[in-house]
Amino acid sequence: MAINIEQVTAMEAWFALRNDPAFISVTPEERYETRLALADDLKQQGLIDDNEWRELTEEAVAAYADELG
């Protein structure tokens, strides 16, 4: 099994958002849009497939709902 370093780096960027002060300081709507844009970008670059993209968008929806209470 080969490890795709670009994919690992991209996924690290996704999870690093949780600790990014600029990301944390914006509204829940802006965080949601940022998560979706990053998922779209990762898919467009070919770093994730359709299933991984779906998982990230579902995570974005869940995080948004959680942040709204």
PDB file of N, CA and C in Angstrom:
ATOM      1  N   MET A   1       0.852  -1.180   0.000  1.00  0.00           N
ATOM      2  CA  MET A   1       0.000   0.000   0.000  1.00  0.00           C
ATOM      3  C   MET A   1       0.893   1.237   0.000  1.00  0.00           C
ATOM      4  N   ALA A   2       0.690   2.103  -0.965  1.00  0.00           N
ATOM      5  CA  ALA A   2       1.461   3.336  -1.067  1.00  0.00           C
ATOM      6  C   ALA A   2       0.767   4.452  -0.299  1.00  0.00           C
ATOM      7  N   ILE A   3       1.555   5.280   0.323  1.00  0.00           N
ATOM      8  CA  ILE A   3       1.024   6.417   1.064  1.00  0.00           C
ATOM      9  C   ILE A   3       1.177   7.652   0.188  1.00  0.00           C
ATOM     10  N   ASN A   4       0.085   8.356  -0.009  1.00  0.00           N
ATOM     11  CA  ASN A   4       0.094   9.581  -0.794  1.00  0.00           C
ATOM     12  C   ASN A   4       0.353  10.743   0.167  1.00  0.00           C
ATOM     13  N   ILE A   5       1.574  11.256   0.145  1.00  0.00           N
ATOM     14  CA  ILE A   5       1.982  12.318   1.061  1.00  0.00           C
ATOM     15  C   ILE A   5       1.139  13.573   0.845  1.00  0.00           C
ATOM     16  N   GLU A   6       0.816  13.883  -0.408  1.00  0.00           N
ATOM     17  CA  GLU A   6      -0.010  15.068  -0.679  1.00  0.00           C
ATOM     18  C   GLU A   6      -1.380  14.930  -0.033  1.00  0.00           C
ATOM     19  N   GLN A   7      -1.951  13.722  -0.092  1.00  0.00           N
ATOM     20  CA  GLN A   7      -3.254  13.497   0.515  1.00  0.00           C
ATOM     21  C   GLN A   7      -3.169  13.621   2.036  1.00  0.00           C
ATOM     22  N   VAL A   8      -2.122  13.068   2.622  1.00  0.00           N
ATOM     23  CA  VAL A   8      -1.938  13.169   4.074  1.00  0.00           C
ATOM     24  C   VAL A   8      -1.805  14.633   4.483  1.00  0.00           C
ATOM     25  N   THR A   9      -1.011  15.380   3.755  1.00  0.00           N
ATOM     26  CA  THR A   9      -0.821  16.803   4.045  1.00  0.00           C
ATOM     27  C   THR A   9      -2.136  17.570   3.920  1.00  0.00           C
ATOM     28  N   ALA A  10      -2.907  17.248   2.901  1.00  0.00           N
ATOM     29  CA  ALA A  10      -4.201  17.909   2.701  1.00  0.00           C
ATOM     30  C   ALA A  10      -5.154  17.608   3.853  1.00  0.00           C
ATOM     31  N   MET A  11      -5.182  16.369   4.294  1.00  0.00           N
ATOM     32  CA  MET A  11      -6.071  16.009   5.396  1.00  0.00           C
ATOM     33  C   MET A  11      -5.594  16.645   6.701  1.00  0.00           C
ATOM     34  N   GLU A  12      -4.286  16.780   6.872  1.00  0.00           N
ATOM     35  CA  GLU A  12      -3.771  17.479   8.047  1.00  0.00           C
ATOM     36  C   GLU A  12      -4.242  18.924   8.044  1.00  0.00           C
ATOM     37  N   ALA A  13      -4.282  19.541   6.868  1.00  0.00           N
ATOM     38  CA  ALA A  13      -4.769  20.924   6.766  1.00  0.00           C
ATOM     39  C   ALA A  13      -6.229  21.008   7.191  1.00  0.00           C
ATOM     40  N   TRP A  14      -7.026  20.004   6.816  1.00  0.00           N
ATOM     41  CA  TRP A  14      -8.442  19.970   7.202  1.00  0.00           C
ATOM     42  C   TRP A  14      -8.566  19.963   8.727  1.00  0.00           C
ATOM     43  N   PHE A  15      -7.829  19.085   9.377  1.00  0.00           N
ATOM     44  CA  PHE A  15      -7.936  18.956  10.823  1.00  0.00           C
ATOM     45  C   PHE A  15      -7.228  20.089  11.567  1.00  0.00           C
ATOM     46  N   ALA A  16      -6.259  20.728  10.925  1.00  0.00           N
ATOM     47  CA  ALA A  16      -5.568  21.861  11.540  1.00  0.00           C
ATOM     48  C   ALA A  16      -6.489  23.072  11.688  1.00  0.00           C
ATOM     49  N   LEU A  17      -7.555  23.113  10.910  1.00  0.00           N
ATOM     50  CA  LEU A  17      -8.504  24.227  11.034  1.00  0.00           C
ATOM     51  C   LEU A  17      -9.013  24.369  12.464  1.00  0.00           C
ATOM     52  N   ARG A  18      -9.159  23.260  13.153  1.00  0.00           N
ATOM     53  CA  ARG A  18      -9.702  23.276  14.513  1.00  0.00           C
ATOM     54  C   ARG A  18      -8.864  24.111  15.472  1.00  0.00           C
ATOM     55  N   ASN A  19      -7.582  24.293  15.167  1.00  0.00           N
ATOM     56  CA  ASN A  19      -6.685  25.043  16.045  1.00  0.00           C
ATOM     57  C   ASN A  19      -6.231  26.366  15.443  1.00  0.00           C
ATOM     58  N   ASP A  20      -6.789  26.733  14.307  1.00  0.00           N
ATOM     59  CA  ASP A  20      -6.401  27.958  13.617  1.00  0.00           C
ATOM     60  C   ASP A  20      -7.178  29.140  14.196  1.00  0.00           C
ATOM     61  N   PRO A  21      -6.497  30.095  14.846  1.00  0.00           N
ATOM     62  CA  PRO A  21      -7.194  31.228  15.455  1.00  0.00           C
ATOM     63  C   PRO A  21      -8.044  32.028  14.461  1.00  0.00           C
ATOM     64  N   ALA A  22      -7.558  32.185  13.239  1.00  0.00           N
ATOM     65  CA  ALA A  22      -8.332  32.922  12.236  1.00  0.00           C
ATOM     66  C   ALA A  22      -9.620  32.181  11.893  1.00  0.00           C
ATOM     67  N   PHE A  23      -9.547  30.862  11.827  1.00  0.00           N
ATOM     68  CA  PHE A  23     -10.721  30.047  11.536  1.00  0.00           C
ATOM     69  C   PHE A  23     -11.693  30.076  12.709  1.00  0.00           C
ATOM     70  N   ILE A  24     -11.178  29.948  13.906  1.00  0.00           N
ATOM     71  CA  ILE A  24     -12.011  29.905  15.110  1.00  0.00           C
ATOM     72  C   ILE A  24     -12.733  31.229  15.338  1.00  0.00           C
ATOM     73  N   SER A  25     -12.120  32.329  14.928  1.00  0.00           N
ATOM     74  CA  SER A  25     -12.668  33.654  15.228  1.00  0.00           C
ATOM     75  C   SER A  25     -13.827  34.079  14.321  1.00  0.00           C
ATOM     76  N   VAL A  26     -14.098  33.342  13.259  1.00  0.00           N
ATOM     77  CA  VAL A  26     -15.177  33.728  12.343  1.00  0.00           C
ATOM     78  C   VAL A  26     -16.495  33.076  12.763  1.00  0.00           C
ATOM     79  N   THR A  27     -17.562  33.437  12.090  1.00  0.00           N
ATOM     80  CA  THR A  27     -18.891  32.923  12.419  1.00  0.00           C
ATOM     81  C   THR A  27     -19.020  31.448  12.035  1.00  0.00           C
ATOM     82  N   PRO A  28     -19.998  30.755  12.634  1.00  0.00           N
ATOM     83  CA  PRO A  28     -20.226  29.360  12.246  1.00  0.00           C
ATOM     84  C   PRO A  28     -20.479  29.206  10.745  1.00  0.00           C
ATOM     85  N   GLU A  29     -21.177  30.174  10.159  1.00  0.00           N
ATOM     86  CA  GLU A  29     -21.457  30.107   8.722  1.00  0.00           C
ATOM     87  C   GLU A  29     -20.164  30.185   7.915  1.00  0.00           C
ATOM     88  N   GLU A  30     -19.256  31.068   8.329  1.00  0.00           N
ATOM     89  CA  GLU A  30     -17.980  31.206   7.618  1.00  0.00           C
ATOM     90  C   GLU A  30     -17.115  29.955   7.802  1.00  0.00           C
ATOM     91  N   ARG A  31     -17.148  29.363   9.000  1.00  0.00           N
ATOM     92  CA  ARG A  31     -16.400  28.119   9.212  1.00  0.00           C
ATOM     93  C   ARG A  31     -16.965  27.010   8.331  1.00  0.00           C
ATOM     94  N   TYR A  32     -18.289  26.933   8.232  1.00  0.00           N
ATOM     95  CA  TYR A  32     -18.945  25.940   7.383  1.00  0.00           C
ATOM     96  C   TYR A  32     -18.515  26.120   5.929  1.00  0.00           C
ATOM     97  N   GLU A  33     -18.564  27.354   5.452  1.00  0.00           N
ATOM     98  CA  GLU A  33     -18.188  27.642   4.073  1.00  0.00           C
ATOM     99  C   GLU A  33     -16.711  27.335   3.821  1.00  0.00           C
ATOM    100  N   THR A  34     -15.862  27.607   4.801  1.00  0.00           N
ATOM    101  CA  THR A  34     -14.441  27.306   4.672  1.00  0.00           C
ATOM    102  C   THR A  34     -14.219  25.811   4.569  1.00  0.00           C
ATOM    103  N   ARG A  35     -14.902  25.047   5.414  1.00  0.00           N
ATOM    104  CA  ARG A  35     -14.775  23.589   5.366  1.00  0.00           C
ATOM    105  C   ARG A  35     -15.222  23.047   4.009  1.00  0.00           C
ATOM    106  N   LEU A  36     -16.359  23.543   3.519  1.00  0.00           N
ATOM    107  CA  LEU A  36     -16.852  23.078   2.220  1.00  0.00           C
ATOM    108  C   LEU A  36     -15.895  23.452   1.096  1.00  0.00           C
ATOM    109  N   ALA A  37     -15.375  24.673   1.140  1.00  0.00           N
ATOM    110  CA  ALA A  37     -14.447  25.115   0.100  1.00  0.00           C
ATOM    111  C   ALA A  37     -13.176  24.272   0.109  1.00  0.00           C
ATOM    112  N   LEU A  38     -12.686  23.937   1.295  1.00  0.00           N
ATOM    113  CA  LEU A  38     -11.486  23.108   1.374  1.00  0.00           C
ATOM    114  C   LEU A  38     -11.769  21.708   0.843  1.00  0.00           C
ATOM    115  N   ALA A  39     -12.915  21.146   1.193  1.00  0.00           N
ATOM    116  CA  ALA A  39     -13.280  19.816   0.673  1.00  0.00           C
ATOM    117  C   ALA A  39     -13.372  19.851  -0.854  1.00  0.00           C
ATOM    118  N   ASP A  40     -14.003  20.882  -1.390  1.00  0.00           N
ATOM    119  CA  ASP A  40     -14.109  21.020  -2.846  1.00  0.00           C
ATOM    120  C   ASP A  40     -12.730  21.136  -3.492  1.00  0.00           C
ATOM    121  N   ASP A  41     -11.854  21.923  -2.868  1.00  0.00           N
ATOM    122  CA  ASP A  41     -10.510  22.116  -3.403  1.00  0.00           C
ATOM    123  C   ASP A  41      -9.718  20.808  -3.397  1.00  0.00           C
ATOM    124  N   LEU A  42      -9.834  20.053  -2.313  1.00  0.00           N
ATOM    125  CA  LEU A  42      -9.126  18.776  -2.226  1.00  0.00           C
ATOM    126  C   LEU A  42      -9.607  17.815  -3.307  1.00  0.00           C
ATOM    127  N   LYS A  43     -10.911  17.817  -3.553  1.00  0.00           N
ATOM    128  CA  LYS A  43     -11.467  16.942  -4.592  1.00  0.00           C
ATOM    129  C   LYS A  43     -11.009  17.397  -5.973  1.00  0.00           C
ATOM    130  N   GLN A  44     -11.046  18.691  -6.198  1.00  0.00           N
ATOM    131  CA  GLN A  44     -10.646  19.232  -7.499  1.00  0.00           C
ATOM    132  C   GLN A  44      -9.180  18.927  -7.800  1.00  0.00           C
ATOM    133  N   GLN A  45      -8.344  18.930  -6.771  1.00  0.00           N
ATOM    134  CA  GLN A  45      -6.929  18.623  -6.949  1.00  0.00           C
ATOM    135  C   GLN A  45      -6.672  17.120  -7.107  1.00  0.00           C
ATOM    136  N   GLY A  46      -7.721  16.332  -6.903  1.00  0.00           N
ATOM    137  CA  GLY A  46      -7.576  14.888  -7.035  1.00  0.00           C
ATOM    138  C   GLY A  46      -6.955  14.237  -5.816  1.00  0.00           C
ATOM    139  N   LEU A  47      -6.943  14.951  -4.691  1.00  0.00           N
ATOM    140  CA  LEU A  47      -6.341  14.417  -3.472  1.00  0.00           C
ATOM    141  C   LEU A  47      -7.306  13.548  -2.679  1.00  0.00           C
ATOM    142  N   ILE A  48      -8.594  13.718  -2.933  1.00  0.00           N
ATOM    143  CA  ILE A  48      -9.605  12.872  -2.310  1.00  0.00           C
ATOM    144  C   ILE A  48     -10.588  12.419  -3.383  1.00  0.00           C
ATOM    145  N   ASP A  49     -11.254  11.303  -3.124  1.00  0.00           N
ATOM    146  CA  ASP A  49     -12.245  10.808  -4.075  1.00  0.00           C
ATOM    147  C   ASP A  49     -13.646  11.256  -3.653  1.00  0.00           C
ATOM    148  N   ASP A  50     -14.641  10.818  -4.398  1.00  0.00           N
ATOM    149  CA  ASP A  50     -16.017  11.232  -4.125  1.00  0.00           C
ATOM    150  C   ASP A  50     -16.480  10.831  -2.725  1.00  0.00           C
ATOM    151  N   ASN A  51     -16.108   9.638  -2.295  1.00  0.00           N
ATOM    152  CA  ASN A  51     -16.524   9.181  -0.965  1.00  0.00           C
ATOM    153  C   ASN A  51     -15.869  10.000   0.139  1.00  0.00           C
ATOM    154  N   GLU A  52     -14.587  10.296  -0.018  1.00  0.00           N
ATOM    155  CA  GLU A  52     -13.888  11.108   0.976  1.00  0.00           C
ATOM    156  C   GLU A  52     -14.448  12.525   0.995  1.00  0.00           C
ATOM    157  N   TRP A  53     -14.762  13.062  -0.178  1.00  0.00           N
ATOM    158  CA  TRP A  53     -15.368  14.384  -0.264  1.00  0.00           C
ATOM    159  C   TRP A  53     -16.709  14.389   0.478  1.00  0.00           C
ATOM    160  N   ARG A  54     -17.511  13.365   0.262  1.00  0.00           N
ATOM    161  CA  ARG A  54     -18.809  13.253   0.935  1.00  0.00           C
ATOM    162  C   ARG A  54     -18.632  13.205   2.452  1.00  0.00           C
ATOM    163  N   GLU A  55     -17.647  12.449   2.911  1.00  0.00           N
ATOM    164  CA  GLU A  55     -17.388  12.371   4.350  1.00  0.00           C
ATOM    165  C   GLU A  55     -17.006  13.732   4.921  1.00  0.00           C
ATOM    166  N   LEU A  56     -16.172  14.473   4.203  1.00  0.00           N
ATOM    167  CA  LEU A  56     -15.775  15.800   4.680  1.00  0.00           C
ATOM    168  C   LEU A  56     -16.953  16.768   4.684  1.00  0.00           C
ATOM    169  N   THR A  57     -17.793  16.704   3.657  1.00  0.00           N
ATOM    170  CA  THR A  57     -18.942  17.605   3.642  1.00  0.00           C
ATOM    171  C   THR A  57     -19.940  17.238   4.744  1.00  0.00           C
ATOM    172  N   GLU A  58     -20.079  15.943   5.009  1.00  0.00           N
ATOM    173  CA  GLU A  58     -20.956  15.529   6.113  1.00  0.00           C
ATOM    174  C   GLU A  58     -20.388  15.994   7.448  1.00  0.00           C
ATOM    175  N   GLU A  59     -19.075  15.945   7.583  1.00  0.00           N
ATOM    176  CA  GLU A  59     -18.442  16.440   8.806  1.00  0.00           C
ATOM    177  C   GLU A  59     -18.654  17.949   8.935  1.00  0.00           C
ATOM    178  N   ALA A  60     -18.586  18.658   7.818  1.00  0.00           N
ATOM    179  CA  ALA A  60     -18.813  20.106   7.835  1.00  0.00           C
ATOM    180  C   ALA A  60     -20.235  20.422   8.279  1.00  0.00           C
ATOM    181  N   VAL A  61     -21.199  19.667   7.781  1.00  0.00           N
ATOM    182  CA  VAL A  61     -22.604  19.870   8.176  1.00  0.00           C
ATOM    183  C   VAL A  61     -22.777  19.570   9.657  1.00  0.00           C
ATOM    184  N   ALA A  62     -22.195  18.485  10.124  1.00  0.00           N
ATOM    185  CA  ALA A  62     -22.323  18.113  11.529  1.00  0.00           C
ATOM    186  C   ALA A  62     -21.674  19.152  12.433  1.00  0.00           C
ATOM    187  N   ALA A  63     -20.510  19.650  12.054  1.00  0.00           N
ATOM    188  CA  ALA A  63     -19.830  20.672  12.855  1.00  0.00           C
ATOM    189  C   ALA A  63     -20.651  21.949  12.901  1.00  0.00           C
ATOM    190  N   TYR A  64     -21.222  22.327  11.776  1.00  0.00           N
ATOM    191  CA  TYR A  64     -22.060  23.519  11.707  1.00  0.00           C
ATOM    192  C   TYR A  64     -23.272  23.374  12.619  1.00  0.00           C
ATOM    193  N   ALA A  65     -23.934  22.249  12.539  1.00  0.00           N
ATOM    194  CA  ALA A  65     -25.105  22.005  13.395  1.00  0.00           C
ATOM    195  C   ALA A  65     -24.708  22.025  14.867  1.00  0.00           C
ATOM    196  N   ASP A  66     -23.562  21.437  15.182  1.00  0.00           N
ATOM    197  CA  ASP A  66     -23.087  21.407  16.572  1.00  0.00           C
ATOM    198  C   ASP A  66     -22.774  22.827  17.059  1.00  0.00           C
ATOM    199  N   GLU A  67     -22.165  23.622  16.205  1.00  0.00           N
ATOM    200  CA  GLU A  67     -21.809  24.986  16.592  1.00  0.00           C
ATOM    201  C   GLU A  67     -23.047  25.868  16.806  1.00  0.00           C
ATOM    202  N   LEU A  68     -24.116  25.565  16.095  1.00  0.00           N
ATOM    203  CA  LEU A  68     -25.350  26.344  16.258  1.00  0.00           C
ATOM    204  C   LEU A  68     -26.144  25.889  17.484  1.00  0.00           C
ATOM    205  N   GLY A  69     -25.799  24.716  17.958  1.00  0.00           N
ATOM    206  CA  GLY A  69     -26.461  24.211  19.177  1.00  0.00           C
ATOM    207  C   GLY A  69     -27.613  23.398  18.857  1.00  0.00           C
TER     208      GLY A  69
END
